[in-house]
Amino acid sequence: MLSIMSEKPDAASEQAAIDEVVDRLIAKRPTVNQAYIRELVQREYETLQTAKLRDYIPVLVEHMVKQDLKDEKSKRDANLI
């Protein structure tokens, strides 16, 4: 029988998922410094440390970092005009 309630992810599996987020972002944005991407991921991950529902943390972190990178690009582009 399929359970509607999922188990809370353990810290190791959550960290593994965050590491996969880093790898995906680096692969999608090869021109962005890898250390900078790691820094952004860590910063956004830390903002969600008190979240009670942990299942979506990696997805949220990835979305937040993509938005950060998009916002920074927009600011750079605006300064070039």
PDB file of N, CA and C in Angstrom:
ATOM      1  N   MET A   1       0.838  -1.184   0.000  1.00  0.00           N
ATOM      2  CA  MET A   1       0.000   0.000   0.000  1.00  0.00           C
ATOM      3  C   MET A   1       0.885   1.250   0.000  1.00  0.00           C
ATOM      4  N   LEU A   2       0.543   2.196  -0.814  1.00  0.00           N
ATOM      5  CA  LEU A   2       1.298   3.433  -0.939  1.00  0.00           C
ATOM      6  C   LEU A   2       0.908   4.393   0.172  1.00  0.00           C
ATOM      7  N   SER A   3       1.899   4.883   0.880  1.00  0.00           N
ATOM      8  CA  SER A   3       1.636   5.814   1.971  1.00  0.00           C
ATOM      9  C   SER A   3       1.593   7.242   1.445  1.00  0.00           C
ATOM     10  N   ILE A   4       0.628   7.997   1.888  1.00  0.00           N
ATOM     11  CA  ILE A   4       0.514   9.398   1.498  1.00  0.00           C
ATOM     12  C   ILE A   4       1.578  10.225   2.209  1.00  0.00           C
ATOM     13  N   MET A   5       1.878   9.884   3.415  1.00  0.00           N
ATOM     14  CA  MET A   5       2.881  10.610   4.189  1.00  0.00           C
ATOM     15  C   MET A   5       4.262  10.071   3.848  1.00  0.00           C
ATOM     16  N   SER A   6       5.156  10.937   3.454  1.00  0.00           N
ATOM     17  CA  SER A   6       6.523  10.493   3.185  1.00  0.00           C
ATOM     18  C   SER A   6       7.354  10.671   4.447  1.00  0.00           C
ATOM     19  N   GLU A   7       8.385   9.877   4.527  1.00  0.00           N
ATOM     20  CA  GLU A   7       9.279   9.999   5.673  1.00  0.00           C
ATOM     21  C   GLU A   7      10.133  11.244   5.509  1.00  0.00           C
ATOM     22  N   LYS A   8      10.494  11.820   6.621  1.00  0.00           N
ATOM     23  CA  LYS A   8      11.371  12.984   6.607  1.00  0.00           C
ATOM     24  C   LYS A   8      12.746  12.545   6.092  1.00  0.00           C
ATOM     25  N   PRO A   9      13.280  13.256   5.092  1.00  0.00           N
ATOM     26  CA  PRO A   9      14.582  12.857   4.575  1.00  0.00           C
ATOM     27  C   PRO A   9      15.656  13.040   5.641  1.00  0.00           C
ATOM     28  N   ASP A  10      16.608  12.116   5.672  1.00  0.00           N
ATOM     29  CA  ASP A  10      17.689  12.280   6.638  1.00  0.00           C
ATOM     30  C   ASP A  10      18.689  13.300   6.099  1.00  0.00           C
ATOM     31  N   ALA A  11      19.559  13.752   6.980  1.00  0.00           N
ATOM     32  CA  ALA A  11      20.498  14.809   6.615  1.00  0.00           C
ATOM     33  C   ALA A  11      21.408  14.388   5.462  1.00  0.00           C
ATOM     34  N   ALA A  12      21.819  13.132   5.440  1.00  0.00           N
ATOM     35  CA  ALA A  12      22.721  12.664   4.385  1.00  0.00           C
ATOM     36  C   ALA A  12      22.035  12.674   3.021  1.00  0.00           C
ATOM     37  N   SER A  13      20.791  12.212   2.971  1.00  0.00           N
ATOM     38  CA  SER A  13      20.105  12.203   1.674  1.00  0.00           C
ATOM     39  C   SER A  13      19.765  13.619   1.230  1.00  0.00           C
ATOM     40  N   GLU A  14      19.457  14.487   2.171  1.00  0.00           N
ATOM     41  CA  GLU A  14      19.185  15.878   1.814  1.00  0.00           C
ATOM     42  C   GLU A  14      20.448  16.535   1.281  1.00  0.00           C
ATOM     43  N   GLN A  15      21.584  16.277   1.914  1.00  0.00           N
ATOM     44  CA  GLN A  15      22.842  16.852   1.442  1.00  0.00           C
ATOM     45  C   GLN A  15      23.212  16.289   0.079  1.00  0.00           C
ATOM     46  N   ALA A  16      22.951  15.005  -0.149  1.00  0.00           N
ATOM     47  CA  ALA A  16      23.217  14.413  -1.461  1.00  0.00           C
ATOM     48  C   ALA A  16      22.369  15.098  -2.534  1.00  0.00           C
ATOM     49  N   ALA A  17      21.130  15.396  -2.213  1.00  0.00           N
ATOM     50  CA  ALA A  17      20.250  16.087  -3.162  1.00  0.00           C
ATOM     51  C   ALA A  17      20.751  17.507  -3.421  1.00  0.00           C
ATOM     52  N   ILE A  18      21.250  18.174  -2.405  1.00  0.00           N
ATOM     53  CA  ILE A  18      21.813  19.522  -2.569  1.00  0.00           C
ATOM     54  C   ILE A  18      23.066  19.459  -3.447  1.00  0.00           C
ATOM     55  N   ASP A  19      23.880  18.434  -3.247  1.00  0.00           N
ATOM     56  CA  ASP A  19      25.072  18.253  -4.093  1.00  0.00           C
ATOM     57  C   ASP A  19      24.677  18.058  -5.556  1.00  0.00           C
ATOM     58  N   GLU A  20      23.581  17.339  -5.789  1.00  0.00           N
ATOM     59  CA  GLU A  20      23.085  17.154  -7.159  1.00  0.00           C
ATOM     60  C   GLU A  20      22.603  18.486  -7.745  1.00  0.00           C
ATOM     61  N   VAL A  21      22.008  19.311  -6.914  1.00  0.00           N
ATOM     62  CA  VAL A  21      21.593  20.649  -7.365  1.00  0.00           C
ATOM     63  C   VAL A  21      22.818  21.430  -7.835  1.00  0.00           C
ATOM     64  N   VAL A  22      23.876  21.407  -7.043  1.00  0.00           N
ATOM     65  CA  VAL A  22      25.113  22.100  -7.416  1.00  0.00           C
ATOM     66  C   VAL A  22      25.616  21.586  -8.759  1.00  0.00           C
ATOM     67  N   ASP A  23      25.663  20.265  -8.914  1.00  0.00           N
ATOM     68  CA  ASP A  23      26.153  19.669 -10.160  1.00  0.00           C
ATOM     69  C   ASP A  23      25.308  20.091 -11.359  1.00  0.00           C
ATOM     70  N   ARG A  24      23.989  20.096 -11.192  1.00  0.00           N
ATOM     71  CA  ARG A  24      23.097  20.504 -12.288  1.00  0.00           C
ATOM     72  C   ARG A  24      23.304  21.972 -12.665  1.00  0.00           C
ATOM     73  N   LEU A  25      23.409  22.821 -11.654  1.00  0.00           N
ATOM     74  CA  LEU A  25      23.586  24.247 -11.934  1.00  0.00           C
ATOM     75  C   LEU A  25      24.926  24.522 -12.613  1.00  0.00           C
ATOM     76  N   ILE A  26      25.968  23.836 -12.174  1.00  0.00           N
ATOM     77  CA  ILE A  26      27.286  24.005 -12.798  1.00  0.00           C
ATOM     78  C   ILE A  26      27.231  23.531 -14.252  1.00  0.00           C
ATOM     79  N   ALA A  27      26.565  22.413 -14.500  1.00  0.00           N
ATOM     80  CA  ALA A  27      26.461  21.890 -15.866  1.00  0.00           C
ATOM     81  C   ALA A  27      25.657  22.830 -16.767  1.00  0.00           C
ATOM     82  N   LYS A  28      24.612  23.441 -16.221  1.00  0.00           N
ATOM     83  CA  LYS A  28      23.757  24.326 -17.017  1.00  0.00           C
ATOM     84  C   LYS A  28      24.380  25.697 -17.227  1.00  0.00           C
ATOM     85  N   ARG A  29      25.283  26.088 -16.355  1.00  0.00           N
ATOM     86  CA  ARG A  29      25.891  27.417 -16.440  1.00  0.00           C
ATOM     87  C   ARG A  29      27.411  27.322 -16.345  1.00  0.00           C
ATOM     88  N   PRO A  30      28.045  26.774 -17.389  1.00  0.00           N
ATOM     89  CA  PRO A  30      29.493  26.559 -17.354  1.00  0.00           C
ATOM     90  C   PRO A  30      30.319  27.840 -17.313  1.00  0.00           C
ATOM     91  N   THR A  31      29.722  28.977 -17.664  1.00  0.00           N
ATOM     92  CA  THR A  31      30.477  30.228 -17.644  1.00  0.00           C
ATOM     93  C   THR A  31      30.492  30.890 -16.266  1.00  0.00           C
ATOM     94  N   VAL A  32      29.675  30.375 -15.349  1.00  0.00           N
ATOM     95  CA  VAL A  32      29.632  30.932 -13.996  1.00  0.00           C
ATOM     96  C   VAL A  32      30.634  30.178 -13.127  1.00  0.00           C
ATOM     97  N   ASN A  33      31.372  30.903 -12.345  1.00  0.00           N
ATOM     98  CA  ASN A  33      32.366  30.320 -11.448  1.00  0.00           C
ATOM     99  C   ASN A  33      31.726  29.262 -10.554  1.00  0.00           C
ATOM    100  N   GLN A  34      32.311  28.065 -10.545  1.00  0.00           N
ATOM    101  CA  GLN A  34      31.752  26.959  -9.761  1.00  0.00           C
ATOM    102  C   GLN A  34      31.711  27.255  -8.271  1.00  0.00           C
ATOM    103  N   ALA A  35      32.726  27.892  -7.759  1.00  0.00           N
ATOM    104  CA  ALA A  35      32.749  28.232  -6.337  1.00  0.00           C
ATOM    105  C   ALA A  35      31.617  29.200  -6.000  1.00  0.00           C
ATOM    106  N   TYR A  36      31.328  30.102  -6.932  1.00  0.00           N
ATOM    107  CA  TYR A  36      30.246  31.056  -6.714  1.00  0.00           C
ATOM    108  C   TYR A  36      28.899  30.344  -6.677  1.00  0.00           C
ATOM    109  N   ILE A  37      28.696  29.382  -7.567  1.00  0.00           N
ATOM    110  CA  ILE A  37      27.455  28.605  -7.554  1.00  0.00           C
ATOM    111  C   ILE A  37      27.327  27.859  -6.238  1.00  0.00           C
ATOM    112  N   ARG A  38      28.399  27.238  -5.783  1.00  0.00           N
ATOM    113  CA  ARG A  38      28.367  26.523  -4.494  1.00  0.00           C
ATOM    114  C   ARG A  38      28.012  27.472  -3.355  1.00  0.00           C
ATOM    115  N   GLU A  39      28.576  28.678  -3.402  1.00  0.00           N
ATOM    116  CA  GLU A  39      28.299  29.688  -2.377  1.00  0.00           C
ATOM    117  C   GLU A  39      26.822  30.093  -2.382  1.00  0.00           C
ATOM    118  N   LEU A  40      26.275  30.318  -3.563  1.00  0.00           N
ATOM    119  CA  LEU A  40      24.858  30.668  -3.664  1.00  0.00           C
ATOM    120  C   LEU A  40      23.970  29.549  -3.141  1.00  0.00           C
ATOM    121  N   VAL A  41      24.278  28.323  -3.524  1.00  0.00           N
ATOM    122  CA  VAL A  41      23.488  27.171  -3.059  1.00  0.00           C
ATOM    123  C   VAL A  41      23.548  27.084  -1.541  1.00  0.00           C
ATOM    124  N   GLN A  42      24.729  27.213  -0.987  1.00  0.00           N
ATOM    125  CA  GLN A  42      24.874  27.124   0.469  1.00  0.00           C
ATOM    126  C   GLN A  42      24.090  28.230   1.167  1.00  0.00           C
ATOM    127  N   ARG A  43      24.174  29.442   0.619  1.00  0.00           N
ATOM    128  CA  ARG A  43      23.461  30.577   1.222  1.00  0.00           C
ATOM    129  C   ARG A  43      21.951  30.349   1.211  1.00  0.00           C
ATOM    130  N   GLU A  44      21.427  29.918   0.068  1.00  0.00           N
ATOM    131  CA  GLU A  44      19.989  29.688  -0.024  1.00  0.00           C
ATOM    132  C   GLU A  44      19.565  28.492   0.827  1.00  0.00           C
ATOM    133  N   TYR A  45      20.389  27.472   0.875  1.00  0.00           N
ATOM    134  CA  TYR A  45      20.105  26.293   1.696  1.00  0.00           C
ATOM    135  C   TYR A  45      20.014  26.688   3.170  1.00  0.00           C
ATOM    136  N   GLU A  46      20.916  27.541   3.605  1.00  0.00           N
ATOM    137  CA  GLU A  46      20.914  27.985   4.999  1.00  0.00           C
ATOM    138  C   GLU A  46      19.646  28.767   5.343  1.00  0.00           C
ATOM    139  N   THR A  47      19.081  29.480   4.370  1.00  0.00           N
ATOM    140  CA  THR A  47      17.862  30.239   4.663  1.00  0.00           C
ATOM    141  C   THR A  47      16.676  29.319   4.934  1.00  0.00           C
ATOM    142  N   LEU A  48      16.779  28.067   4.512  1.00  0.00           N
ATOM    143  CA  LEU A  48      15.664  27.121   4.675  1.00  0.00           C
ATOM    144  C   LEU A  48      15.901  26.107   5.795  1.00  0.00           C
ATOM    145  N   GLN A  49      16.894  26.326   6.614  1.00  0.00           N
ATOM    146  CA  GLN A  49      17.231  25.351   7.653  1.00  0.00           C
ATOM    147  C   GLN A  49      16.137  25.163   8.692  1.00  0.00           C
ATOM    148  N   THR A  50      15.315  26.154   8.897  1.00  0.00           N
ATOM    149  CA  THR A  50      14.254  26.013   9.902  1.00  0.00           C
ATOM    150  C   THR A  50      12.944  25.498   9.314  1.00  0.00           C
ATOM    151  N   ALA A  51      12.943  25.225   8.011  1.00  0.00           N
ATOM    152  CA  ALA A  51      11.720  24.731   7.370  1.00  0.00           C
ATOM    153  C   ALA A  51      11.337  23.372   7.945  1.00  0.00           C
ATOM    154  N   LYS A  52      10.077  23.195   8.212  1.00  0.00           N
ATOM    155  CA  LYS A  52       9.600  21.932   8.793  1.00  0.00           C
ATOM    156  C   LYS A  52       9.392  20.861   7.724  1.00  0.00           C
ATOM    157  N   LEU A  53       8.897  21.242   6.563  1.00  0.00           N
ATOM    158  CA  LEU A  53       8.690  20.304   5.479  1.00  0.00           C
ATOM    159  C   LEU A  53       9.962  20.267   4.646  1.00  0.00           C
ATOM    160  N   ARG A  54      10.741  19.201   4.757  1.00  0.00           N
ATOM    161  CA  ARG A  54      12.069  19.128   4.162  1.00  0.00           C
ATOM    162  C   ARG A  54      12.082  18.532   2.757  1.00  0.00           C
ATOM    163  N   ASP A  55      11.000  17.893   2.347  1.00  0.00           N
ATOM    164  CA  ASP A  55      10.988  17.164   1.077  1.00  0.00           C
ATOM    165  C   ASP A  55      11.355  18.032  -0.129  1.00  0.00           C
ATOM    166  N   TYR A  56      10.980  19.290  -0.108  1.00  0.00           N
ATOM    167  CA  TYR A  56      11.157  20.145  -1.275  1.00  0.00           C
ATOM    168  C   TYR A  56      12.342  21.111  -1.160  1.00  0.00           C
ATOM    169  N   ILE A  57      13.133  20.963  -0.135  1.00  0.00           N
ATOM    170  CA  ILE A  57      14.266  21.877   0.075  1.00  0.00           C
ATOM    171  C   ILE A  57      15.179  21.932  -1.153  1.00  0.00           C
ATOM    172  N   PRO A  58      15.644  20.805  -1.696  1.00  0.00           N
ATOM    173  CA  PRO A  58      16.531  20.895  -2.863  1.00  0.00           C
ATOM    174  C   PRO A  58      15.890  21.610  -4.059  1.00  0.00           C
ATOM    175  N   VAL A  59      14.621  21.344  -4.315  1.00  0.00           N
ATOM    176  CA  VAL A  59      13.920  22.001  -5.424  1.00  0.00           C
ATOM    177  C   VAL A  59      13.841  23.502  -5.176  1.00  0.00           C
ATOM    178  N   LEU A  60      13.511  23.879  -3.960  1.00  0.00           N
ATOM    179  CA  LEU A  60      13.419  25.298  -3.625  1.00  0.00           C
ATOM    180  C   LEU A  60      14.774  25.989  -3.743  1.00  0.00           C
ATOM    181  N   VAL A  61      15.817  25.331  -3.263  1.00  0.00           N
ATOM    182  CA  VAL A  61      17.167  25.900  -3.342  1.00  0.00           C
ATOM    183  C   VAL A  61      17.552  26.113  -4.804  1.00  0.00           C
ATOM    184  N   GLU A  62      17.303  25.108  -5.635  1.00  0.00           N
ATOM    185  CA  GLU A  62      17.653  25.235  -7.056  1.00  0.00           C
ATOM    186  C   GLU A  62      16.896  26.396  -7.698  1.00  0.00           C
ATOM    187  N   HIS A  63      15.626  26.494  -7.415  1.00  0.00           N
ATOM    188  CA  HIS A  63      14.823  27.588  -7.961  1.00  0.00           C
ATOM    189  C   HIS A  63      15.358  28.952  -7.490  1.00  0.00           C
ATOM    190  N   MET A  64      15.682  29.045  -6.217  1.00  0.00           N
ATOM    191  CA  MET A  64      16.162  30.313  -5.662  1.00  0.00           C
ATOM    192  C   MET A  64      17.490  30.725  -6.287  1.00  0.00           C
ATOM    193  N   VAL A  65      18.393  29.775  -6.466  1.00  0.00           N
ATOM    194  CA  VAL A  65      19.695  30.093  -7.058  1.00  0.00           C
ATOM    195  C   VAL A  65      19.536  30.480  -8.526  1.00  0.00           C
ATOM    196  N   LYS A  66      18.680  29.776  -9.249  1.00  0.00           N
ATOM    197  CA  LYS A  66      18.427  30.159 -10.649  1.00  0.00           C
ATOM    198  C   LYS A  66      17.909  31.586 -10.718  1.00  0.00           C
ATOM    199  N   GLN A  67      17.013  31.933  -9.806  1.00  0.00           N
ATOM    200  CA  GLN A  67      16.482  33.301  -9.778  1.00  0.00           C
ATOM    201  C   GLN A  67      17.579  34.301  -9.429  1.00  0.00           C
ATOM    202  N   ASP A  68      18.427  33.963  -8.464  1.00  0.00           N
ATOM    203  CA  ASP A  68      19.559  34.840  -8.112  1.00  0.00           C
ATOM    204  C   ASP A  68      20.434  35.110  -9.331  1.00  0.00           C
ATOM    205  N   LEU A  69      20.776  34.044 -10.061  1.00  0.00           N
ATOM    206  CA  LEU A  69      21.635  34.180 -11.232  1.00  0.00           C
ATOM    207  C   LEU A  69      20.951  35.001 -12.324  1.00  0.00           C
ATOM    208  N   LYS A  70      19.667  34.794 -12.516  1.00  0.00           N
ATOM    209  CA  LYS A  70      18.907  35.547 -13.509  1.00  0.00           C
ATOM    210  C   LYS A  70      18.866  37.032 -13.134  1.00  0.00           C
ATOM    211  N   ASP A  71      18.615  37.316 -11.860  1.00  0.00           N
ATOM    212  CA  ASP A  71      18.569  38.706 -11.399  1.00  0.00           C
ATOM    213  C   ASP A  71      19.915  39.397 -11.589  1.00  0.00           C
ATOM    214  N   GLU A  72      20.992  38.686 -11.273  1.00  0.00           N
ATOM    215  CA  GLU A  72      22.331  39.270 -11.434  1.00  0.00           C
ATOM    216  C   GLU A  72      22.632  39.549 -12.905  1.00  0.00           C
ATOM    217  N   LYS A  73      22.240  38.632 -13.778  1.00  0.00           N
ATOM    218  CA  LYS A  73      22.458  38.840 -15.210  1.00  0.00           C
ATOM    219  C   LYS A  73      21.668  40.051 -15.683  1.00  0.00           C
ATOM    220  N   SER A  74      20.451  40.185 -15.234  1.00  0.00           N
ATOM    221  CA  SER A  74      19.627  41.330 -15.622  1.00  0.00           C
ATOM    222  C   SER A  74      20.267  42.638 -15.176  1.00  0.00           C
ATOM    223  N   LYS A  75      20.817  42.645 -13.972  1.00  0.00           N
ATOM    224  CA  LYS A  75      21.478  43.856 -13.460  1.00  0.00           C
ATOM    225  C   LYS A  75      22.719  44.183 -14.284  1.00  0.00           C
ATOM    226  N   ARG A  76      23.510  43.143 -14.615  1.00  0.00           N
ATOM    227  CA  ARG A  76      24.701  43.367 -15.444  1.00  0.00           C
ATOM    228  C   ARG A  76      24.311  43.896 -16.819  1.00  0.00           C
ATOM    229  N   ASP A  77      23.297  43.274 -17.423  1.00  0.00           N
ATOM    230  CA  ASP A  77      22.838  43.698 -18.744  1.00  0.00           C
ATOM    231  C   ASP A  77      22.329  45.140 -18.717  1.00  0.00           C
ATOM    232  N   ALA A  78      21.634  45.523 -17.680  1.00  0.00           N
ATOM    233  CA  ALA A  78      21.105  46.884 -17.562  1.00  0.00           C
ATOM    234  C   ALA A  78      22.247  47.897 -17.460  1.00  0.00           C
ATOM    235  N   ASN A  79      23.333  47.512 -16.821  1.00  0.00           N
ATOM    236  CA  ASN A  79      24.478  48.414 -16.682  1.00  0.00           C
ATOM    237  C   ASN A  79      25.257  48.558 -17.979  1.00  0.00           C
ATOM    238  N   LEU A  80      25.101  47.629 -18.898  1.00  0.00           N
ATOM    239  CA  LEU A  80      25.814  47.693 -20.165  1.00  0.00           C
ATOM    240  C   LEU A  80      25.125  48.597 -21.184  1.00  0.00           C
ATOM    241  N   ILE A  81      23.875  48.907 -20.946  1.00  0.00           N
ATOM    242  CA  ILE A  81      23.114  49.703 -21.906  1.00  0.00           C
ATOM    243  C   ILE A  81      23.415  51.175 -21.746  1.00  0.00           C
TER     244      ILE A  81
END
